[in-house]
Every structure is written in C-alpha cells, then in structure tokens.
Amino acid sequence: MGFVRGLKCRECGREYPVDPIYVCEFCFGPLEVAYDYKKIKRVLTKKNILKRDKNLWRYKELLPIDGEPQVGLNSGYTPLVKADNLAKVLGVKELYIKDDTVAHPTLSFKDRVVAVALTKAKEFGFDTVACASTGNLAHSVSAHGAKAGFKRFVFIPASLEPSKIVASLIYAPNVIAVDGNYDEVNRLCSEIANKYKWAFVNINIRPFYAEGSKTQGFEIIEQLGWQAPDNVVVPCASGSLLTKVWKAFKEFKEIGIIKELDTKMFAAQATGCSPISAAIKQGTDVIRPVKPNTIAKSLAIGNPADGFYASQVVKESGGYAEDVSDDEIVEGIKLLASTEGIFAETAGGVTIAAAKKLIQQGYIGKNDTTVVCITGNGLKTQEAIVGKTAQVHSIKPKLEAFEEVLKNIR
C-alpha cells in the first residue's frame, strides 16, 4: 500500500497517520509526508523510471498515494529548454528554462499538485473538492475535478484578472469571488474546511498536494542527464514550490539517483509582495506579512504559509533572493518571449527579471548551469502587458501603404 510512513510535524517531529489533516495538534506546526526511503530505493531506479510514461507519475513511489494514479495522467514531464539566446543576453554560459507553460492540461505547474491532491481525495473517499486560489489552482481543480467526477468549489479574490476567472468558469465549477485579497480568501476557506467535509486541496489535503511540486525537481535532474544544476531560480508565492524542488533533489540523493548535490536555491518575488525576499535579504527568520500590491497576482500571497521554510532552504543551500518591480516583470516577460519564444505569465516575468538581477550581482556564476522555473502560460495574464508590447501597423490594402511602413521598420 504505497511507500508512505505517515505524516510528520515539521516543527516538533510528532508523527501522525495518513489522514486529511494538516496541522500538528500539539504545536500547531504544519505536517508533511514522510517516506520509507530504504523501500523506495529498492524499486525506484533510473532504469524503471525510463520505462514509464512521460508524465509526473513516473516517480510515483516518491508521491503520497496508496494505489495507482487516478488523476492527471497527462500532466508533467514538461520541456527543459536550453535557452542559448537568453543566456547570451544575460551573459551566462549555460541556462535552462523549466517550461511549465506547456504540456499541462491547464498550462501551469498547478496541474502537478492537483493530480496528487485529487488522487488522494479519491482514496480518502471525498466527493467534493475545493481550493483558495489566485487563478492557476482554480483552473486546475476545476478541470481535473470535472474529469474525475468531483463536485467543485473554487474561491478566488474578486480582483483577479478577468481572463483567469473565465478560465475557471469554462469547466463549470462553483466559483466564489471573495471581496478581499488571497490571504482573506484563505482564512475564509479555513473556516469552511472546518465545517464542511470537503477536500480543500491547499488546506486539509495540503501535505499531499504540496508533494506534487517535487515532480518539477525530479524532472529537472532527469532532463539534465541525472545530475543536479548549480542554481535554480524559483518564483515564490507561499514558498512551497521552492521547498519541494529542494526536497526532490535531496530525495534523489537519498535513494542514490544522484551522487552529488551542490545546488543553490534562489527565491524570486515581486517587490509589491516580497515577504520571503525581504526576510532573506535582511538575514532574519521572521516572515513579516505584507499587503500585496503587484501585477503578479499569482504570487500575491502576503502571509506565505511556507515562507519560513523557503527562507531556510535558501540559507541551507547557499542561495539568495531577489524581488522586482512591476515594470521589471513586464520586461522579463518580453525578454523571454523575444529570445526563446516562450510566453510566460507574470510569475514568469518575476523569475526572469530576478534571475537577471542575480546574475548581474554575481550571486549566479556566469559559468554555472542554471535552471529558471517558469510556472504558467502568458495567455492567462495578457492584461498585464496590454499597451506595453510592440504596436500593430495598420495599413490600407495597397503595396505602397506597406512599403511606407517598411521604411520606418527598417
């Protein structure tokens, strides 16, 4: 019945059975999944991984399910793009984009975590799934939940981009727009989760849900020829993705998939919502909540649940953090698109712009192997760049009209 030993408090270490719980009843610390690595090591080998379908479930022994995968069979194994054009612009030798803008059903990395969360919800016997979301998670829960036959409730800030709201509504879930920011939405959902017996993927199912992010880390190592990169730059909202990519690297080392791990983890945030970046820069363990004010709404979590743990990973790995303005975010989106043909949402603009700063400041070496994580497709946040791209040339349907425009282009 799987390879999970149970749940374990990240603070006091107290152990719990595999149940839909997420907080330690003694110290109120968050719970995470603990595995039997000795057992996994005997089964999960490079040879066995390579035999499997190219989706996130090729690493299923390191994911918290008991039986076979039930959701997200077409998610994961996204491209690792060698970004030579962008590398040249940024002045580095070897740069890769982990491109989660494609190959997922709803075009973001949230399809990874939802695949695991909803599979676990089925194992627990829930008939209703729900989430608090800044957009991408709502899309994923709505879509995968529809295919899996769940009743679905998604709670979003009412100020979310219209295109992101539509992208959830198309799957016909119950969308609840809350007059407040994400942190207020999340607090409301915690109350609802305590009253209704629903699987809230990022609340009572969170320990299992979060494990899905590890698959991005597993794929990076596999796609680099079974070795860890020198640096990884990760966008941070709650901070969970960064911690789980690091956990993935450590697990692959634990079971012998890789021999060496000397990777530095870098956190990227928008200046308008940068509690994790601020703490790292200030050298403190205290994550001070902020009121979000940024176009990067998918990263706009002012009180990040995993902020402390993300800062500890950065410190443990020898990395750093950087934050960028809204103007820099737009420039980052445009730079990635114009060099590598990848259209990222605002979170991707954050990561590219932050990576640029980290390279300029010398935190990322110019001869290092660096991976930049792009987590969602730009079609989701087109509002952020309207009026900030190249302009359309409008002409009459005559050759001389075109040639007049061509003079100016040249």
Protein backbone atom coordinates (compact mmCIF):
# COMPACT_ATOMS: atom_id res chain seq x y z
CA MET A 1 0.00 0.00 0.00
CA GLY A 2 2.47 2.64 -1.11
CA PHE A 3 5.69 3.87 0.41
CA VAL A 4 4.41 6.48 2.87
CA ARG A 5 5.25 6.00 6.56
CA GLY A 6 2.83 8.69 7.70
CA LEU A 7 2.67 12.43 8.34
CA LYS A 8 5.22 14.28 10.44
CA CYS A 9 5.20 17.73 12.05
CA ARG A 10 7.83 19.98 10.51
CA GLU A 11 8.35 21.67 13.88
CA CYS A 12 8.22 19.14 16.71
CA GLY A 13 8.59 15.94 14.66
CA ARG A 14 5.46 14.30 16.09
CA GLU A 15 4.11 11.61 13.78
CA TYR A 16 0.54 11.11 12.54
CA PRO A 17 -1.30 8.55 10.42
CA VAL A 18 -2.20 9.19 6.78
CA ASP A 19 -5.37 11.25 7.20
CA PRO A 20 -6.74 14.52 5.74
CA ILE A 21 -5.10 16.64 8.44
CA TYR A 22 -2.53 19.37 8.06
CA VAL A 23 -1.68 20.89 11.47
CA CYS A 24 0.03 19.33 14.49
CA GLU A 25 -2.41 19.20 17.41
CA PHE A 26 0.41 19.77 19.90
CA CYS A 27 2.50 22.64 18.48
CA PHE A 28 0.29 23.73 15.53
CA GLY A 29 3.17 23.20 13.11
CA PRO A 30 2.46 22.11 9.52
CA LEU A 31 2.51 18.43 8.63
CA GLU A 32 4.36 16.87 5.73
CA VAL A 33 4.62 13.40 4.23
CA ALA A 34 7.34 11.01 5.46
CA TYR A 35 8.50 8.11 3.25
CA ASP A 36 10.25 4.78 3.61
CA TYR A 37 13.32 5.64 1.53
CA LYS A 38 15.00 2.26 2.03
CA LYS A 39 11.99 0.56 0.49
CA ILE A 40 11.79 3.12 -2.33
CA LYS A 41 15.49 2.73 -3.13
CA ARG A 42 14.94 -0.94 -3.98
CA VAL A 43 12.21 -0.10 -6.51
CA LEU A 44 12.74 3.37 -7.99
CA THR A 45 15.75 3.20 -10.29
CA LYS A 46 16.76 5.16 -13.36
CA LYS A 47 16.04 2.08 -15.47
CA ASN A 48 12.50 1.76 -14.14
CA ILE A 49 11.79 5.47 -14.49
CA LEU A 50 12.85 5.45 -18.14
CA LYS A 51 10.44 2.61 -18.93
CA ARG A 52 7.43 4.61 -17.78
CA ASP A 53 5.09 7.07 -19.49
CA LYS A 54 6.36 10.62 -19.70
CA ASN A 55 4.14 12.20 -17.08
CA LEU A 56 4.58 13.17 -13.44
CA TRP A 57 3.60 9.70 -12.24
CA ARG A 58 6.87 8.17 -13.49
CA TYR A 59 8.15 8.99 -9.96
CA LYS A 60 5.06 7.59 -8.19
CA GLU A 61 6.95 5.83 -5.37
CA LEU A 62 8.00 9.29 -4.12
CA LEU A 63 4.43 10.59 -4.23
CA PRO A 64 1.90 10.06 -1.40
CA ILE A 65 -0.62 7.69 -2.97
CA ASP A 66 -1.52 4.14 -1.96
CA GLY A 67 -2.75 2.69 -5.22
CA GLU A 68 -2.44 3.65 -8.86
CA PRO A 69 -2.71 7.28 -10.08
CA GLN A 70 -6.30 8.35 -10.78
CA VAL A 71 -5.94 11.99 -11.84
CA GLY A 72 -3.53 13.98 -14.03
CA LEU A 73 -2.33 11.20 -16.31
CA ASN A 74 -1.46 13.82 -18.96
CA SER A 75 0.32 16.22 -16.60
CA GLY A 76 4.02 16.70 -16.07
CA TYR A 77 7.24 15.95 -17.93
CA THR A 78 7.35 19.46 -19.36
CA PRO A 79 10.29 20.63 -21.51
CA LEU A 80 13.64 21.71 -20.11
CA VAL A 81 14.64 24.23 -22.78
CA LYS A 82 18.31 25.10 -23.31
CA ALA A 83 17.97 28.88 -23.52
CA ASP A 84 21.04 29.86 -25.54
CA ASN A 85 19.59 33.13 -26.84
CA LEU A 86 18.57 34.32 -23.37
CA ALA A 87 21.87 33.11 -21.93
CA LYS A 88 23.75 35.29 -24.40
CA VAL A 89 21.71 38.36 -23.44
CA LEU A 90 22.23 37.71 -19.71
CA GLY A 91 25.92 36.95 -20.14
CA VAL A 92 25.94 33.34 -18.90
CA LYS A 93 27.20 30.14 -20.46
CA GLU A 94 24.52 27.55 -19.67
CA LEU A 95 20.91 28.49 -18.93
CA TYR A 96 17.78 26.34 -19.00
CA ILE A 97 14.09 27.16 -18.77
CA LYS A 98 11.91 24.60 -16.99
CA ASP A 99 8.87 25.38 -19.09
CA ASP A 100 5.60 24.62 -17.31
CA THR A 101 3.71 26.94 -19.70
CA VAL A 102 3.05 23.91 -21.93
CA ALA A 103 2.29 20.16 -21.73
CA HIS A 104 -0.11 20.59 -18.80
CA PRO A 105 -3.89 20.44 -19.38
CA THR A 106 -4.42 23.90 -17.81
CA LEU A 107 -0.99 25.31 -18.73
CA SER A 108 0.55 25.75 -15.29
CA PHE A 109 2.54 23.77 -12.75
CA LYS A 110 -0.58 23.56 -10.55
CA ASP A 111 -1.61 20.53 -12.61
CA ARG A 112 1.21 18.70 -10.79
CA VAL A 113 -0.08 19.35 -7.28
CA VAL A 114 -3.74 18.88 -8.20
CA ALA A 115 -3.03 15.49 -9.79
CA VAL A 116 -1.69 14.26 -6.45
CA ALA A 117 -4.28 16.06 -4.31
CA LEU A 118 -7.30 14.74 -6.21
CA THR A 119 -5.91 11.23 -6.42
CA LYS A 120 -5.56 11.37 -2.64
CA ALA A 121 -9.04 12.87 -2.27
CA LYS A 122 -10.43 9.85 -4.13
CA GLU A 123 -8.51 7.49 -1.87
CA PHE A 124 -9.97 9.27 1.17
CA GLY A 125 -13.48 8.99 -0.27
CA PHE A 126 -14.32 12.69 -0.72
CA ASP A 127 -16.98 13.67 -3.25
CA THR A 128 -16.30 17.43 -3.21
CA VAL A 129 -13.01 19.25 -3.82
CA ALA A 130 -12.25 22.91 -3.21
CA CYS A 131 -9.44 25.43 -3.06
CA ALA A 132 -8.43 29.00 -2.32
CA SER A 133 -6.66 30.33 -5.40
CA THR A 134 -5.12 33.29 -7.19
CA GLY A 135 -6.11 31.70 -10.51
CA ASN A 136 -4.00 28.78 -11.69
CA LEU A 137 -5.03 26.43 -8.90
CA ALA A 138 -8.68 27.26 -9.54
CA HIS A 139 -8.25 26.32 -13.21
CA SER A 140 -6.59 23.05 -12.34
CA VAL A 141 -9.05 21.99 -9.63
CA SER A 142 -11.94 22.94 -11.92
CA ALA A 143 -10.60 20.96 -14.89
CA HIS A 144 -9.21 17.85 -13.21
CA GLY A 145 -12.10 17.76 -10.77
CA ALA A 146 -14.54 17.75 -13.68
CA LYS A 147 -12.85 14.79 -15.35
CA ALA A 148 -12.59 12.92 -12.05
CA GLY A 149 -16.29 13.43 -11.25
CA PHE A 150 -15.99 15.67 -8.20
CA LYS A 151 -18.28 18.47 -7.10
CA ARG A 152 -16.07 21.59 -7.16
CA PHE A 153 -15.89 24.89 -5.27
CA VAL A 154 -13.14 27.39 -6.05
CA PHE A 155 -12.66 30.56 -4.02
CA ILE A 156 -10.81 33.49 -5.60
CA PRO A 157 -10.14 37.18 -4.89
CA ALA A 158 -12.78 39.22 -6.71
CA SER A 159 -10.00 41.41 -8.16
CA LEU A 160 -8.49 38.52 -10.15
CA GLU A 161 -7.77 39.09 -13.85
CA PRO A 162 -10.95 38.54 -15.92
CA SER A 163 -9.18 36.06 -18.20
CA LYS A 164 -8.29 33.90 -15.20
CA ILE A 165 -11.86 33.91 -13.93
CA VAL A 166 -13.18 32.82 -17.35
CA ALA A 167 -10.56 30.08 -17.48
CA SER A 168 -12.14 28.53 -14.38
CA LEU A 169 -15.77 29.14 -15.31
CA ILE A 170 -15.44 27.19 -18.56
CA TYR A 171 -15.20 23.94 -16.56
CA ALA A 172 -18.49 24.76 -14.75
CA PRO A 173 -17.35 24.66 -11.11
CA ASN A 174 -18.89 26.78 -8.36
CA VAL A 175 -16.73 29.92 -8.44
CA ILE A 176 -16.93 32.09 -5.34
CA ALA A 177 -15.37 35.56 -5.79
CA VAL A 178 -14.48 36.99 -2.38
CA ASP A 179 -14.15 40.72 -1.73
CA GLY A 180 -10.61 40.57 -0.36
CA ASN A 181 -7.05 39.52 -1.13
CA TYR A 182 -5.77 35.94 -1.22
CA ASP A 183 -4.94 35.85 2.48
CA GLU A 184 -8.51 36.83 3.33
CA VAL A 185 -9.85 34.23 0.89
CA ASN A 186 -7.64 31.59 2.51
CA ARG A 187 -8.82 32.46 6.01
CA LEU A 188 -12.44 32.10 4.90
CA CYS A 189 -11.65 28.74 3.29
CA SER A 190 -10.08 27.50 6.53
CA GLU A 191 -13.37 28.22 8.29
CA ILE A 192 -15.35 26.46 5.57
CA ALA A 193 -12.99 23.48 5.64
CA ASN A 194 -13.61 23.10 9.37
CA LYS A 195 -17.39 22.97 8.84
CA TYR A 196 -17.85 21.04 5.60
CA LYS A 197 -16.39 17.64 4.80
CA TRP A 198 -14.73 18.72 1.58
CA ALA A 199 -11.22 18.08 0.28
CA PHE A 200 -9.66 21.54 0.28
CA VAL A 201 -6.54 20.78 -1.72
CA ASN A 202 -4.41 23.53 -0.15
CA ILE A 203 -5.82 23.20 3.38
CA ASN A 204 -6.76 19.77 4.79
CA ILE A 205 -5.17 17.92 1.82
CA ARG A 206 -2.16 20.27 1.74
CA PRO A 207 0.51 17.81 2.96
CA PHE A 208 -0.27 15.54 -0.01
CA TYR A 209 -1.00 18.31 -2.51
CA ALA A 210 2.36 20.01 -1.89
CA GLU A 211 4.27 16.82 -2.72
CA GLY A 212 3.21 17.14 -6.36
CA SER A 213 5.60 20.08 -6.76
CA LYS A 214 8.53 17.70 -6.26
CA THR A 215 7.96 16.31 -9.74
CA GLN A 216 9.35 19.51 -11.22
CA GLY A 217 12.59 18.86 -9.34
CA PHE A 218 12.71 15.19 -10.34
CA GLU A 219 12.26 16.14 -14.00
CA ILE A 220 15.00 18.78 -13.88
CA ILE A 221 17.51 16.22 -12.66
CA GLU A 222 16.43 13.58 -15.18
CA GLN A 223 16.44 16.04 -18.08
CA LEU A 224 19.92 17.29 -17.17
CA GLY A 225 21.24 13.74 -17.59
CA TRP A 226 20.73 12.65 -13.98
CA GLN A 227 22.58 15.50 -12.34
CA ALA A 228 21.55 18.50 -10.25
CA PRO A 229 22.17 22.02 -11.60
CA ASP A 230 24.36 24.59 -9.91
CA ASN A 231 21.45 27.01 -9.44
CA VAL A 232 17.66 27.02 -9.58
CA VAL A 233 15.57 30.21 -9.57
CA VAL A 234 12.00 29.63 -8.34
CA PRO A 235 9.07 32.07 -8.11
CA CYS A 236 7.63 32.24 -4.60
CA ALA A 237 4.03 32.79 -3.54
CA SER A 238 3.51 30.55 -0.49
CA GLY A 239 7.12 29.37 -0.86
CA SER A 240 6.05 25.73 -1.18
CA LEU A 241 7.37 25.14 -4.72
CA LEU A 242 10.90 26.16 -3.75
CA THR A 243 10.91 23.88 -0.70
CA LYS A 244 9.60 20.93 -2.68
CA VAL A 245 12.05 21.27 -5.57
CA TRP A 246 14.79 21.16 -2.93
CA LYS A 247 13.14 18.16 -1.25
CA ALA A 248 13.06 16.40 -4.62
CA PHE A 249 16.80 16.95 -5.10
CA LYS A 250 17.52 15.62 -1.60
CA GLU A 251 15.29 12.58 -2.11
CA PHE A 252 17.02 11.65 -5.36
CA LYS A 253 20.31 11.83 -3.49
CA GLU A 254 18.86 9.81 -0.60
CA ILE A 255 17.87 6.91 -2.87
CA GLY A 256 21.04 7.06 -4.98
CA ILE A 257 19.69 8.53 -8.22
CA ILE A 258 22.31 11.28 -7.96
CA LYS A 259 25.60 11.16 -6.09
CA GLU A 260 26.29 14.87 -5.61
CA LEU A 261 24.04 17.76 -4.60
CA ASP A 262 25.58 21.21 -4.57
CA THR A 263 22.67 23.27 -5.86
CA LYS A 264 21.89 26.81 -4.72
CA MET A 265 18.21 27.71 -4.47
CA PHE A 266 17.12 31.26 -5.30
CA ALA A 267 13.75 32.80 -4.42
CA ALA A 268 12.11 35.26 -6.82
CA GLN A 269 9.30 37.60 -5.78
CA ALA A 270 7.55 40.76 -6.90
CA THR A 271 8.60 43.82 -4.91
CA GLY A 272 4.91 44.56 -4.32
CA CYS A 273 4.61 41.28 -2.39
CA SER A 274 8.01 40.16 -1.19
CA PRO A 275 7.89 38.95 2.44
CA ILE A 276 10.19 35.98 1.72
CA SER A 277 12.71 38.01 -0.26
CA ALA A 278 12.73 40.74 2.39
CA ALA A 279 13.44 38.26 5.19
CA ILE A 280 16.28 36.62 3.27
CA LYS A 281 17.84 39.95 2.38
CA GLN A 282 17.57 41.14 5.98
CA GLY A 283 19.02 37.89 7.32
CA THR A 284 16.06 37.20 9.59
CA ASP A 285 13.90 34.14 10.16
CA VAL A 286 10.84 36.31 10.69
CA ILE A 287 8.48 36.50 7.71
CA ARG A 288 6.56 39.75 8.12
CA PRO A 289 3.15 39.72 6.38
CA VAL A 290 2.52 42.42 3.77
CA LYS A 291 -0.46 43.73 1.83
CA PRO A 292 0.07 42.65 -1.81
CA ASN A 293 0.33 45.33 -4.50
CA THR A 294 1.65 43.84 -7.74
CA ILE A 295 0.56 42.79 -11.21
CA ALA A 296 1.92 39.31 -10.39
CA LYS A 297 -1.34 38.22 -8.77
CA SER A 298 -0.44 34.54 -8.84
CA LEU A 299 2.40 35.37 -6.41
CA ALA A 300 0.37 37.84 -4.31
CA ILE A 301 0.33 35.99 -1.01
CA GLY A 302 1.19 38.46 1.73
CA ASN A 303 1.39 35.90 4.52
CA PRO A 304 3.08 32.87 2.89
CA ALA A 305 2.42 29.55 4.61
CA ASP A 306 5.83 28.14 3.71
CA GLY A 307 7.74 31.41 3.82
CA PHE A 308 9.90 30.43 6.80
CA TYR A 309 10.74 27.04 5.29
CA ALA A 310 11.57 28.62 1.92
CA SER A 311 13.97 31.03 3.62
CA GLN A 312 15.60 28.12 5.45
CA VAL A 313 16.10 26.20 2.19
CA VAL A 314 17.72 29.25 0.60
CA LYS A 315 20.02 29.55 3.61
CA GLU A 316 20.81 25.81 3.70
CA SER A 317 21.66 25.69 0.00
CA GLY A 318 23.74 28.87 -0.03
CA GLY A 319 21.36 30.75 -2.33
CA TYR A 320 19.75 34.16 -2.09
CA ALA A 321 16.58 36.06 -3.06
CA GLU A 322 15.64 38.96 -5.30
CA ASP A 323 12.47 40.91 -5.97
CA VAL A 324 11.49 43.00 -8.97
CA SER A 325 9.15 45.88 -9.79
CA ASP A 326 6.06 45.63 -11.99
CA ASP A 327 7.95 47.31 -14.83
CA GLU A 328 10.75 44.77 -14.50
CA ILE A 329 8.16 41.96 -14.53
CA VAL A 330 6.80 43.16 -17.87
CA GLU A 331 10.32 43.47 -19.26
CA GLY A 332 11.06 39.93 -18.07
CA ILE A 333 8.01 38.57 -19.89
CA LYS A 334 9.01 40.38 -23.07
CA LEU A 335 12.66 39.30 -22.82
CA LEU A 336 11.80 35.62 -22.51
CA ALA A 337 9.31 35.82 -25.37
CA SER A 338 11.65 37.70 -27.72
CA THR A 339 14.67 35.44 -27.07
CA GLU A 340 13.21 31.96 -26.54
CA GLY A 341 9.68 32.18 -27.92
CA ILE A 342 8.16 31.35 -24.52
CA PHE A 343 5.19 33.43 -23.37
CA ALA A 344 5.12 33.36 -19.58
CA GLU A 345 2.55 34.78 -17.20
CA THR A 346 3.54 37.49 -14.72
CA ALA A 347 5.12 34.97 -12.32
CA GLY A 348 7.49 34.00 -15.14
CA GLY A 349 8.35 37.65 -15.67
CA VAL A 350 9.27 37.79 -11.99
CA THR A 351 11.58 34.79 -12.29
CA ILE A 352 13.35 36.02 -15.42
CA ALA A 353 13.82 39.55 -14.08
CA ALA A 354 15.03 38.24 -10.73
CA ALA A 355 17.48 35.85 -12.44
CA LYS A 356 18.82 38.79 -14.44
CA LYS A 357 19.50 40.73 -11.24
CA LEU A 358 21.07 37.75 -9.50
CA ILE A 359 23.45 37.26 -12.42
CA GLN A 360 24.35 40.96 -12.53
CA GLN A 361 25.02 40.95 -8.79
CA GLY A 362 27.25 37.86 -9.01
CA TYR A 363 25.11 35.51 -6.95
CA ILE A 364 24.75 33.27 -10.00
CA GLY A 365 28.07 32.46 -11.67
CA LYS A 366 28.44 33.09 -15.38
CA ASN A 367 29.87 29.61 -15.97
CA ASP A 368 27.29 27.80 -13.84
CA THR A 369 24.47 25.56 -15.00
CA THR A 370 21.32 27.46 -14.04
CA VAL A 371 17.66 26.47 -14.31
CA VAL A 372 14.90 29.10 -14.22
CA CYS A 373 11.41 27.80 -13.40
CA ILE A 374 8.56 29.25 -15.45
CA THR A 375 5.29 28.11 -13.91
CA GLY A 376 2.39 29.36 -16.08
CA ASN A 377 1.38 30.42 -19.57
CA GLY A 378 1.20 34.09 -20.56
CA LEU A 379 -2.22 33.66 -22.17
CA LYS A 380 -3.53 33.68 -18.60
CA THR A 381 -2.33 37.21 -17.78
CA GLN A 382 -2.49 39.16 -21.04
CA GLU A 383 -3.94 42.18 -19.21
CA ALA A 384 -0.53 42.85 -17.65
CA ILE A 385 1.13 43.60 -20.97
CA VAL A 386 -1.63 45.34 -22.91
CA GLY A 387 -0.19 48.58 -24.32
CA LYS A 388 3.35 47.56 -23.36
CA THR A 389 4.29 45.46 -26.38
CA ALA A 390 5.20 46.30 -29.97
CA GLN A 391 2.41 48.14 -31.81
CA VAL A 392 0.31 46.89 -34.70
CA HIS A 393 0.97 48.59 -38.06
CA SER A 394 -2.40 49.35 -39.67
CA ILE A 395 -2.45 49.99 -43.43
CA LYS A 396 -4.74 50.15 -46.45
CA PRO A 397 -4.66 47.04 -48.70
CA LYS A 398 -2.13 48.62 -51.06
CA LEU A 399 1.53 47.82 -51.75
CA GLU A 400 2.62 51.44 -51.42
CA ALA A 401 0.99 51.60 -47.97
CA PHE A 402 3.00 48.57 -46.83
CA GLU A 403 6.23 49.96 -48.28
CA GLU A 404 5.72 53.22 -46.42
CA VAL A 405 5.52 51.28 -43.16
CA LEU A 406 8.52 49.18 -44.17
CA LYS A 407 10.68 52.32 -44.45
CA ASN A 408 10.06 53.06 -40.77
CA ILE A 409 10.64 49.48 -39.67
CA ARG A 410 14.00 49.39 -41.39
